[in-house]
Every structure is written in C-alpha cells, then in structure tokens.
Amino acid sequence: MLKRKIINYFEEWSGKQHRKALLIKGARQVGKTTAVRQFAQTHYRNFIEINFEQNRKARQAFEGDLDANTIIMNLSSMGFGPFEKGSTLIFFDEIQSCPQARTAIKFLVEDGRFDYIESGSLLGINYKDVSSYPVGYEHQVEMFPLDFEEFLWACNVSGSVVEELKKCHDAQKPVSDFLHQQILRFLGQYFIIGGMPEVVNVFTQNSDIMQTVDVQTDILNSYRDDFSKYAGKDKILVKSVFDAIPQQLSKENKRFVIADLEKGAAQRKYASPTEWLSDAGIGFFSRNVSTLELPLAAFEKKNLYKLYMIDNGLLCSMMLGKQGLQAEILQGRLDINQGALAENFVAAELSKRGIPLHYYDRKSRQELDFVYPHGNKINIIEVKSGKDYRRHTSLDTAMETFGASVNEGIVLCKGNVEQKNGVRYLPLYMTMFL
C-alpha cells in the first residue's frame, strides 16, 4: 500500500476536539478513496462508505428532511451501518453526485455523534447544484497525485535518504555524487511514471514502462469521458485545450496561446473551457505578472498564462506515447521537448506545496519561469534541464533590476548544490524543499 502524506493530515483533523466535516477535493484517480479507507482502518471501529455514483439509491436518503436523525435512519434502513456514537466514520464519496448530502453536512456535524469525510472529483464543476453550502461546518483539503518524495517512498527509498538531501539543501552543501546520481535516476523515472497511484503501483510491481503507458492512456481517456459528460456545451473546446497542453508546453516560452488552437479565436471563447480544466483539478494556471512587486496577484495579466498538467506521467504519456523516447529520459535527458517535463515537474511540486504559480515575461525577451513570495520579498526560479544551466541572462537582469524586491535567485537543474555570484543552484529534485 502506498504511503501518502495526507494520512498525517487526516490524523491531525481527527485529533481536534470540535471536528468539522473534512472535504477532500482533487482530480479523479489521485487516491482519495484509498487514503480514506486506509485511515479509517486504523482509527475507527466502524467505517461506513457511501459512493453516490455507484449507489444511486443512497441519494434518496437526502430527498426529504435533512435533520440528522432522519438521514441516519434512512441510511440505516438501506443497510448502512452500524452507527456507533464516537467510533464511526461516515464517508460520502463522489458527493458531487448528491448535492443535498453536501447541504446536509451542517446538520450532521451539529448532531456530533459521528465523524464525516466527503470526497469529490468535480466539485469545482458542480458547485451550482448545491442549494446551501455548510459554511463553518466543513474544512477543505486538496489532494494531488504522489509528489516526488512519496514516489521515492514507493520505490523503497528510505526516509533517511530524504533527510540527508534536506540537510544538504539547508546547509547549502553538495550531495555526495553517488547519491546525487541515484536520485536523478529516480527523477527520470518520475518524469515518465508520475504520481497517479495506479500507475505507480504497476511500475513498482513489474517495472514495465509500456504497461504504465497503457494505464496512463486509460486515465487520460477517462478524463476525456468526463469532458463529454460534465462540460456541457463547452465539451469540444475543453478537449481542444486539454489536448493542446503538451504542444504548448513544448514551445520555448511555454505560454498558452489561443491562436494556436483556432486562428482568430477570441480569448473569451476559450476562457471558460480553460477554467473548467483548472476547476476539475486537471490543470494548473501560472499567471503572468507585470512587475516583481508584492502582492503578485495584484499585478496579474489574466489573459497571459501557462497551463500545466496535474501529473508529469500523464503529460509524458501525451507527449511520447509508445514512441520509445522514454528510454532517453531514463538515460538522463531531461531536456526533451524544450524541457517541458522539467518545468511541469516544478510547477506541480510547487502547487502541491500550496505555492501560487506566477511567471514574469517582459516583451518575450526577459522570462522568469516562476516567481513567488518569500517573506516580504520574492524568490525567482529558473528551470534548466540541459547542461548550460549556468547561463541565465533573464535571471541576472531581473536581480539587477528588481534587486530590492528579490530575496534570491534559484536555478533548478541537473547539477549539484552550489552558490555562485549570488545565485543558488539546486538539483531539480530539491524542488520538494522549497
């Protein structure tokens, strides 16, 4: 069973005296249901799981009065249970398929007899169906595919290895060459496999890359099925945006350009379809900012953005399929497709750590891959997937121009830890420590 960080979050939640319901958001197949089951197995005597997509009849329990006694009685009459006060976790899975259950959470939490976890994959899409949100009775947390550290755990790399890497990061000292090369090898695997639990399980069990591509293809197709089912009149445009992500990220500047999808198309035509992917948890926006000043959100240019994929493995599968180019990545070529996989990796790792994504681009001549707040200043990240990572004219110019606003410049690369001329060089895998 895969070790997931979110279990620690569940434990903190369950230790609180006055618990709200816990709502887990996230894209399909990132492991939400498995994580809840794993947690319940070791922390509750009774676990009641209700999946509103699989068990449509269960929705009827919420069609009448929404007081706690009525709902519990309705569920019990359907065979769910036992309901034992103080030792029962009730899990509402795919709750977007039963909006009334989301509304009823307020009354169930007020009742206080049981603990509640909700989960949903398209909650950002179906928000209009909820008549009344349980404001003040629900705590939300986002769940993602396995990050790189969790992937290392899945590959049986011990926690002590990650601790050693963290020590080197904090002390600004190089990692031993042997360890550095080993972790770079795992990073190449992660670029291909990604963090979708089913894919990781297949890879760790048989190391068959082509078999993992088959699983990734199934996941991608399930996402496309969701477009048809849930995106309404925008379904064709959503699919167009989704399928264009690999090509857009393979460009040198990686900015998402609507004109590449449809000549002469207005930005507003694709605004809603693009937001759909973000709301579904499938894509991450990185917004352009006009200057390096805080707060960065105040200087966003909404019409200029990059669009990253939720998972590196899925992106790699869309780019390479079964061409066999994965072998080149395993051999250390992380700069394939203009370094798209490397930059997407950094974007996803930062997002999983709760860091909002922004980039700076001055007239397409001075581009900084990522900028984010650090205290009352700004950190700049340049992602370099090739060998020439010590060349970074845009970063040097920005630090000279905005020196008073900049905390530090960071180059994420294949090289080892190094500090030179005011720039900090870190291995790409150390993104997990930022």
Protein backbone atom coordinates (compact mmCIF):
# COMPACT_ATOMS: atom_id res chain seq x y z
CA MET A 1 0.00 0.00 0.00
CA LEU A 2 1.34 3.40 -0.98
CA LYS A 3 2.37 5.75 1.82
CA ARG A 4 0.63 9.11 1.46
CA LYS A 5 1.32 12.35 3.30
CA ILE A 6 -2.36 13.20 3.51
CA ILE A 7 -2.80 10.48 6.17
CA ASN A 8 -0.90 12.76 8.58
CA TYR A 9 -3.38 15.50 7.75
CA PHE A 10 -6.29 13.14 8.49
CA GLU A 11 -4.75 12.31 11.85
CA GLU A 12 -4.41 15.98 12.79
CA TRP A 13 -8.04 16.51 11.82
CA SER A 14 -9.30 13.53 13.84
CA GLY A 15 -7.40 14.78 16.91
CA LYS A 16 -9.30 18.06 17.06
CA GLN A 17 -11.92 18.31 19.75
CA HIS A 18 -14.61 20.00 17.67
CA ARG A 19 -14.29 18.45 14.25
CA LYS A 20 -15.88 19.83 11.14
CA ALA A 21 -16.54 17.55 8.20
CA LEU A 22 -13.43 17.09 6.07
CA LEU A 23 -13.93 17.67 2.35
CA ILE A 24 -11.22 16.18 0.11
CA LYS A 25 -11.04 17.79 -3.32
CA GLY A 26 -8.94 16.61 -6.23
CA ALA A 27 -8.95 15.17 -9.73
CA ARG A 28 -10.12 11.66 -10.42
CA GLN A 29 -7.84 8.74 -9.56
CA VAL A 30 -5.37 10.62 -7.35
CA GLY A 31 -6.06 8.19 -4.48
CA LYS A 32 -8.69 9.96 -2.36
CA THR A 33 -10.87 6.92 -1.66
CA THR A 34 -7.93 4.59 -0.95
CA ALA A 35 -6.41 7.08 1.50
CA VAL A 36 -9.67 7.43 3.44
CA ARG A 37 -10.11 3.66 3.65
CA GLN A 38 -6.54 3.25 4.85
CA PHE A 39 -7.03 5.91 7.52
CA ALA A 40 -10.37 4.52 8.69
CA GLN A 41 -8.99 1.02 9.04
CA THR A 42 -6.57 2.09 11.77
CA HIS A 43 -8.53 4.86 13.50
CA TYR A 44 -12.21 3.80 13.68
CA ARG A 45 -14.11 0.77 14.85
CA ASN A 46 -16.88 1.35 12.29
CA PHE A 47 -16.46 2.69 8.77
CA ILE A 48 -19.44 3.45 6.54
CA GLU A 49 -18.65 4.22 2.92
CA ILE A 50 -21.34 5.59 0.60
CA ASN A 51 -20.44 6.22 -3.04
CA PHE A 52 -23.18 8.30 -4.62
CA GLU A 53 -22.15 7.40 -8.17
CA GLN A 54 -22.12 3.65 -7.59
CA ASN A 55 -25.13 3.60 -5.25
CA ARG A 56 -27.68 5.97 -6.72
CA LYS A 57 -30.34 4.70 -4.31
CA ALA A 58 -28.40 6.20 -1.41
CA ARG A 59 -29.26 9.66 -2.74
CA GLN A 60 -32.87 9.05 -1.70
CA ALA A 61 -31.84 9.27 1.96
CA PHE A 62 -31.38 13.02 1.43
CA GLU A 63 -34.54 13.78 -0.52
CA GLY A 64 -36.74 14.62 2.46
CA ASP A 65 -36.00 16.29 5.76
CA LEU A 66 -32.31 16.95 6.31
CA ASP A 67 -32.23 16.60 10.09
CA ALA A 68 -29.58 14.17 11.35
CA ASN A 69 -31.96 11.60 12.87
CA THR A 70 -33.97 11.26 9.66
CA ILE A 71 -30.87 10.91 7.47
CA ILE A 72 -29.24 8.31 9.74
CA MET A 73 -32.48 6.35 9.95
CA ASN A 74 -32.85 6.45 6.15
CA LEU A 75 -29.29 5.22 5.63
CA SER A 76 -29.70 2.52 8.26
CA SER A 77 -32.87 1.28 6.55
CA MET A 78 -30.81 0.87 3.37
CA GLY A 79 -28.39 -1.45 5.16
CA PHE A 80 -25.63 1.01 6.01
CA GLY A 81 -24.16 0.75 9.48
CA PRO A 82 -23.57 0.09 12.26
CA PHE A 83 -23.80 3.65 13.57
CA GLU A 84 -21.95 3.71 16.88
CA LYS A 85 -21.53 7.06 18.59
CA GLY A 86 -17.93 8.22 18.97
CA SER A 87 -16.32 5.42 16.94
CA THR A 88 -17.85 5.71 13.47
CA LEU A 89 -16.51 7.44 10.37
CA ILE A 90 -19.05 8.09 7.61
CA PHE A 91 -17.51 8.63 4.19
CA PHE A 92 -19.56 10.30 1.45
CA ASP A 93 -17.64 9.53 -1.76
CA GLU A 94 -18.33 11.30 -5.08
CA ILE A 95 -20.51 13.71 -3.14
CA GLN A 96 -20.89 15.93 -6.20
CA SER A 97 -23.48 13.37 -7.38
CA CYS A 98 -25.66 14.12 -4.33
CA PRO A 99 -25.70 17.90 -3.71
CA GLN A 100 -28.28 17.52 -0.93
CA ALA A 101 -25.81 15.42 1.06
CA ARG A 102 -23.38 18.36 0.89
CA THR A 103 -26.12 20.66 2.21
CA ALA A 104 -26.98 18.18 4.99
CA ILE A 105 -23.41 18.18 6.35
CA LYS A 106 -24.25 21.19 8.55
CA PHE A 107 -26.93 19.27 10.41
CA LEU A 108 -24.91 16.06 10.62
CA VAL A 109 -21.90 17.85 12.09
CA GLU A 110 -24.10 19.75 14.55
CA ASP A 111 -25.50 16.40 15.68
CA GLY A 112 -21.98 15.43 16.81
CA ARG A 113 -22.32 11.66 17.08
CA PHE A 114 -20.18 10.66 14.10
CA ASP A 115 -17.24 11.91 12.06
CA TYR A 116 -17.66 12.77 8.39
CA ILE A 117 -15.33 12.85 5.41
CA GLU A 118 -16.56 13.92 1.99
CA SER A 119 -14.77 13.40 -1.30
CA GLY A 120 -15.40 14.53 -4.83
CA SER A 121 -13.62 14.79 -8.15
CA LEU A 122 -15.56 17.51 -9.90
CA LEU A 123 -16.69 19.72 -7.03
CA GLY A 124 -15.42 22.84 -8.76
CA ILE A 125 -17.63 21.98 -11.73
CA ASN A 126 -20.89 21.07 -9.97
CA TYR A 127 -20.95 23.92 -7.45
CA LYS A 128 -24.20 25.36 -8.86
CA ASP A 129 -26.15 22.26 -7.82
CA VAL A 130 -25.61 22.78 -4.08
CA SER A 131 -28.56 24.73 -2.64
CA SER A 132 -26.77 25.72 0.56
CA TYR A 133 -23.13 25.22 1.46
CA PRO A 134 -22.29 24.04 5.00
CA VAL A 135 -20.27 27.18 5.76
CA GLY A 136 -18.50 26.83 9.10
CA TYR A 137 -19.09 23.07 9.24
CA GLU A 138 -16.68 21.89 6.59
CA HIS A 139 -12.91 22.02 6.22
CA GLN A 140 -11.47 21.58 2.73
CA VAL A 141 -8.18 19.99 1.68
CA GLU A 142 -6.80 19.39 -1.80
CA MET A 143 -5.31 16.02 -2.71
CA PHE A 144 -2.88 15.50 -5.58
CA PRO A 145 -1.03 12.61 -7.22
CA LEU A 146 2.05 11.37 -5.37
CA ASP A 147 4.71 14.05 -5.15
CA PHE A 148 8.34 13.14 -5.76
CA GLU A 149 9.05 12.33 -2.12
CA GLU A 150 6.06 9.96 -1.98
CA PHE A 151 7.30 8.38 -5.22
CA LEU A 152 10.68 7.76 -3.59
CA TRP A 153 8.90 6.04 -0.68
CA ALA A 154 7.01 3.87 -3.18
CA CYS A 155 10.38 2.89 -4.70
CA ASN A 156 11.58 1.80 -1.25
CA VAL A 157 13.92 4.76 -0.78
CA SER A 158 14.10 5.28 2.98
CA GLY A 159 13.16 8.46 4.78
CA SER A 160 16.75 8.81 5.97
CA VAL A 161 17.83 9.41 2.37
CA VAL A 162 15.36 12.27 2.02
CA GLU A 163 16.56 13.64 5.36
CA GLU A 164 20.15 13.64 4.05
CA LEU A 165 19.04 15.53 0.94
CA LYS A 166 17.20 18.04 3.14
CA LYS A 167 20.33 18.56 5.27
CA CYS A 168 22.37 19.27 2.14
CA HIS A 169 19.72 21.71 0.95
CA ASP A 170 19.56 23.56 4.26
CA ALA A 171 23.35 23.63 4.76
CA GLN A 172 23.93 24.62 1.13
CA LYS A 173 26.40 21.79 0.63
CA PRO A 174 26.69 19.36 -2.31
CA VAL A 175 25.08 15.94 -2.15
CA SER A 176 27.54 13.05 -2.48
CA ASP A 177 27.97 12.28 -6.16
CA PHE A 178 26.71 8.71 -5.82
CA LEU A 179 23.52 9.78 -4.03
CA HIS A 180 23.01 12.68 -6.42
CA GLN A 181 23.14 10.38 -9.44
CA GLN A 182 20.83 7.85 -7.81
CA ILE A 183 18.15 10.45 -7.07
CA LEU A 184 18.48 11.90 -10.58
CA ARG A 185 17.79 8.38 -11.86
CA PHE A 186 14.60 8.22 -9.79
CA LEU A 187 13.68 11.70 -11.02
CA GLY A 188 13.91 10.46 -14.62
CA GLN A 189 11.57 7.62 -13.68
CA TYR A 190 9.16 10.07 -12.06
CA PHE A 191 9.12 12.21 -15.21
CA ILE A 192 7.78 9.16 -17.05
CA ILE A 193 5.67 7.43 -14.38
CA GLY A 194 4.33 10.45 -12.49
CA GLY A 195 2.30 10.10 -9.33
CA MET A 196 -1.06 8.60 -10.25
CA PRO A 197 -1.37 5.74 -7.70
CA GLU A 198 -2.48 3.04 -10.14
CA VAL A 199 0.40 3.87 -12.47
CA VAL A 200 2.93 3.88 -9.63
CA ASN A 201 1.66 0.52 -8.38
CA VAL A 202 2.01 -1.06 -11.84
CA PHE A 203 5.54 0.32 -12.22
CA THR A 204 6.77 -0.74 -8.78
CA GLN A 205 5.36 -4.24 -9.28
CA ASN A 206 6.85 -5.02 -12.71
CA SER A 207 8.96 -2.04 -13.97
CA ASP A 208 7.24 -2.31 -17.37
CA ILE A 209 7.19 1.21 -18.84
CA MET A 210 4.89 0.32 -21.73
CA GLN A 211 2.36 -1.21 -19.33
CA THR A 212 2.33 2.01 -17.33
CA VAL A 213 1.68 3.93 -20.56
CA ASP A 214 -1.40 1.75 -21.09
CA VAL A 215 -2.70 2.68 -17.63
CA GLN A 216 -1.95 6.35 -18.24
CA THR A 217 -3.85 6.18 -21.53
CA ASP A 218 -6.86 4.75 -19.69
CA ILE A 219 -6.76 7.60 -17.18
CA LEU A 220 -6.47 10.21 -19.91
CA ASN A 221 -9.42 8.66 -21.73
CA SER A 222 -11.47 8.73 -18.52
CA TYR A 223 -10.74 12.45 -18.25
CA ARG A 224 -11.91 12.94 -21.83
CA ASP A 225 -15.08 11.00 -20.98
CA ASP A 226 -15.67 13.47 -18.14
CA PHE A 227 -15.41 16.34 -20.60
CA SER A 228 -18.23 14.83 -22.64
CA LYS A 229 -20.31 14.09 -19.56
CA TYR A 230 -19.86 17.23 -17.48
CA ALA A 231 -18.55 20.10 -19.65
CA GLY A 232 -21.88 20.69 -21.40
CA LYS A 233 -21.74 22.96 -24.43
CA ASP A 234 -18.01 23.53 -23.87
CA LYS A 235 -17.04 19.86 -24.11
CA ILE A 236 -15.36 20.14 -27.53
CA LEU A 237 -13.43 23.26 -26.53
CA VAL A 238 -12.34 21.71 -23.21
CA LYS A 239 -10.98 18.69 -25.10
CA SER A 240 -9.18 21.01 -27.54
CA VAL A 241 -7.48 22.89 -24.71
CA PHE A 242 -6.59 19.68 -22.88
CA ASP A 243 -5.08 18.01 -25.94
CA ALA A 244 -3.09 21.17 -26.73
CA ILE A 245 -1.26 21.31 -23.39
CA PRO A 246 1.72 19.13 -24.44
CA GLN A 247 2.31 21.12 -27.61
CA GLN A 248 2.00 24.45 -25.82
CA LEU A 249 4.47 23.41 -23.11
CA SER A 250 6.90 22.16 -25.75
CA LYS A 251 7.36 25.69 -27.09
CA GLU A 252 10.33 27.71 -25.93
CA ASN A 253 8.27 30.24 -23.94
CA LYS A 254 5.56 27.70 -22.97
CA ARG A 255 2.81 30.33 -22.85
CA PHE A 256 -0.63 29.03 -23.79
CA VAL A 257 -1.69 30.83 -27.00
CA ILE A 258 -5.32 30.51 -28.07
CA ALA A 259 -4.47 31.43 -31.66
CA ASP A 260 -2.53 28.16 -31.91
CA LEU A 261 -5.81 26.29 -31.36
CA GLU A 262 -8.02 28.35 -33.64
CA LYS A 263 -6.87 31.17 -35.86
CA GLY A 264 -8.57 34.45 -34.98
CA ALA A 265 -10.42 32.98 -31.97
CA ALA A 266 -11.22 35.43 -29.18
CA GLN A 267 -9.72 34.80 -25.75
CA ARG A 268 -13.17 34.83 -24.17
CA LYS A 269 -14.29 31.87 -26.31
CA TYR A 270 -11.75 29.62 -24.58
CA ALA A 271 -11.72 31.28 -21.14
CA SER A 272 -14.47 29.11 -19.66
CA PRO A 273 -13.20 25.79 -21.14
CA THR A 274 -9.72 26.51 -19.81
CA GLU A 275 -11.05 27.38 -16.35
CA TRP A 276 -13.02 24.11 -16.47
CA LEU A 277 -9.77 22.12 -16.51
CA SER A 278 -8.45 24.11 -13.57
CA ASP A 279 -11.69 23.71 -11.61
CA ALA A 280 -11.60 19.95 -12.28
CA GLY A 281 -8.09 19.79 -10.80
CA ILE A 282 -6.58 18.57 -14.07
CA GLY A 283 -4.54 21.66 -14.89
CA PHE A 284 -2.61 24.40 -13.06
CA PHE A 285 -2.59 28.02 -14.18
CA SER A 286 0.57 30.09 -13.93
CA ARG A 287 -0.34 33.75 -14.44
CA ASN A 288 1.93 36.38 -15.91
CA VAL A 289 2.80 39.33 -13.66
CA SER A 290 3.77 42.75 -14.99
CA THR A 291 6.34 43.50 -12.29
CA LEU A 292 8.12 41.89 -9.35
CA GLU A 293 6.21 43.53 -6.53
CA LEU A 294 4.05 42.12 -3.76
CA PRO A 295 1.32 41.06 -3.74
CA LEU A 296 1.94 39.32 -7.04
CA ALA A 297 -1.78 38.66 -7.56
CA ALA A 298 -2.34 42.42 -7.85
CA PHE A 299 -0.14 42.54 -10.95
CA GLU A 300 -1.53 39.52 -12.80
CA LYS A 301 -2.30 39.72 -16.51
CA LYS A 302 -5.30 37.41 -16.70
CA ASN A 303 -5.03 36.92 -20.46
CA LEU A 304 -1.41 35.76 -20.31
CA TYR A 305 -0.82 32.38 -18.72
CA LYS A 306 0.80 28.97 -18.90
CA LEU A 307 -1.23 25.82 -18.34
CA TYR A 308 0.47 22.87 -16.68
CA MET A 309 -0.73 19.29 -16.23
CA ILE A 310 -1.63 17.82 -12.85
CA ASP A 311 0.75 14.91 -13.38
CA ASN A 312 4.10 14.57 -15.12
CA GLY A 313 3.46 10.97 -16.11
CA LEU A 314 0.21 11.84 -17.86
CA LEU A 315 1.93 14.72 -19.67
CA CYS A 316 4.78 12.43 -20.73
CA SER A 317 2.31 9.85 -22.00
CA MET A 318 0.50 12.51 -24.05
CA MET A 319 3.82 13.72 -25.49
CA LEU A 320 5.61 10.45 -26.17
CA GLY A 321 3.02 7.66 -26.09
CA LYS A 322 4.77 4.44 -27.09
CA GLN A 323 7.47 6.04 -29.22
CA GLY A 324 10.20 4.60 -27.01
CA LEU A 325 11.68 8.02 -26.21
CA GLN A 326 11.14 7.29 -22.52
CA ALA A 327 14.47 5.44 -22.62
CA GLU A 328 16.26 8.70 -23.36
CA ILE A 329 14.76 10.28 -20.24
CA LEU A 330 15.85 7.30 -18.16
CA GLN A 331 19.36 7.86 -19.50
CA GLY A 332 19.35 11.41 -18.16
CA ARG A 333 17.92 13.51 -20.99
CA LEU A 334 15.57 15.73 -19.02
CA ASP A 335 15.52 18.44 -21.70
CA ILE A 336 13.23 16.58 -24.12
CA ASN A 337 10.51 18.79 -25.68
CA GLN A 338 12.21 22.06 -24.70
CA GLY A 339 12.37 20.96 -21.07
CA ALA A 340 8.56 20.78 -20.82
CA LEU A 341 8.61 17.85 -18.41
CA ALA A 342 11.14 19.56 -16.13
CA GLU A 343 9.14 22.78 -15.93
CA ASN A 344 5.86 20.91 -15.45
CA PHE A 345 7.50 18.91 -12.65
CA VAL A 346 8.48 22.12 -10.83
CA ALA A 347 5.02 23.65 -11.36
CA ALA A 348 3.28 20.58 -9.93
CA GLU A 349 5.64 20.29 -6.94
CA LEU A 350 5.17 23.97 -6.07
CA SER A 351 1.38 23.69 -6.39
CA LYS A 352 1.32 20.65 -4.10
CA ARG A 353 3.15 22.76 -1.52
CA GLY A 354 0.50 25.49 -1.77
CA ILE A 355 2.69 27.98 -3.66
CA PRO A 356 0.67 30.07 -6.18
CA LEU A 357 2.16 29.94 -9.67
CA HIS A 358 3.28 33.12 -11.42
CA TYR A 359 5.85 33.91 -14.08
CA TYR A 360 7.38 37.12 -15.37
CA ASP A 361 7.80 37.86 -19.06
CA ARG A 362 8.84 41.26 -20.34
CA LYS A 363 8.01 41.56 -24.05
CA SER A 364 9.03 37.92 -24.59
CA ARG A 365 12.67 38.86 -24.06
CA GLN A 366 13.14 38.53 -20.33
CA GLU A 367 11.31 35.49 -18.98
CA LEU A 368 11.45 34.11 -15.46
CA ASP A 369 9.89 30.66 -15.11
CA PHE A 370 8.49 31.07 -11.58
CA VAL A 371 8.29 33.92 -9.08
CA TYR A 372 6.77 33.52 -5.62
CA PRO A 373 6.67 35.33 -2.27
CA HIS A 374 9.28 34.56 0.37
CA GLY A 375 8.68 36.64 3.49
CA ASN A 376 8.32 40.23 2.31
CA LYS A 377 10.40 39.64 -0.83
CA ILE A 378 10.28 37.48 -3.96
CA ASN A 379 12.13 34.33 -4.97
CA ILE A 380 12.89 33.75 -8.64
CA ILE A 381 13.19 30.26 -10.11
CA GLU A 382 14.74 29.39 -13.43
CA VAL A 383 14.33 25.78 -14.59
CA LYS A 384 17.27 24.47 -16.60
CA SER A 385 17.01 20.91 -17.87
CA GLY A 386 20.14 20.92 -20.04
CA LYS A 387 23.87 21.22 -19.44
CA ASP A 388 24.15 25.00 -19.83
CA TYR A 389 22.38 25.77 -16.58
CA ARG A 390 24.89 28.44 -15.57
CA ARG A 391 23.68 30.67 -18.39
CA HIS A 392 20.67 32.67 -17.18
CA THR A 393 20.62 36.16 -18.63
CA SER A 394 16.98 36.83 -17.70
CA LEU A 395 17.59 35.91 -14.08
CA ASP A 396 20.73 38.07 -13.87
CA THR A 397 18.93 41.06 -15.40
CA ALA A 398 15.93 40.67 -13.08
CA MET A 399 18.09 40.52 -9.97
CA GLU A 400 19.87 43.65 -11.12
CA THR A 401 16.63 45.48 -12.00
CA PHE A 402 14.49 44.40 -9.04
CA GLY A 403 17.29 43.79 -6.53
CA ALA A 404 15.50 45.44 -3.61
CA SER A 405 12.43 43.23 -4.11
CA VAL A 406 14.26 39.94 -4.67
CA ASN A 407 15.17 37.56 -1.87
CA GLU A 408 17.19 35.16 -4.03
CA GLY A 409 17.56 33.67 -7.48
CA ILE A 410 17.37 29.89 -7.73
CA VAL A 411 18.37 27.73 -10.70
CA LEU A 412 16.86 24.23 -10.63
CA CYS A 413 19.00 21.95 -12.75
CA LYS A 414 20.77 18.59 -13.13
CA GLY A 415 23.80 19.96 -11.31
CA ASN A 416 24.61 19.67 -7.62
CA VAL A 417 24.11 22.20 -4.82
CA GLU A 418 26.18 25.31 -5.43
CA GLN A 419 26.21 29.03 -4.64
CA LYS A 420 27.84 31.32 -7.19
CA ASN A 421 27.59 35.05 -7.93
CA GLY A 422 24.50 35.45 -5.76
CA VAL A 423 22.61 32.59 -7.46
CA ARG A 424 21.72 29.34 -5.72
CA TYR A 425 21.94 26.19 -7.86
CA LEU A 426 19.86 23.25 -6.71
CA PRO A 427 19.17 19.82 -8.23
CA LEU A 428 15.69 19.66 -9.74
CA TYR A 429 14.65 17.09 -7.16
CA MET A 430 15.18 19.66 -4.37
CA THR A 431 12.04 21.47 -5.52
CA MET A 432 10.38 19.45 -2.76
CA PHE A 433 12.22 21.54 -0.15
CA LEU A 434 11.24 25.00 -1.41
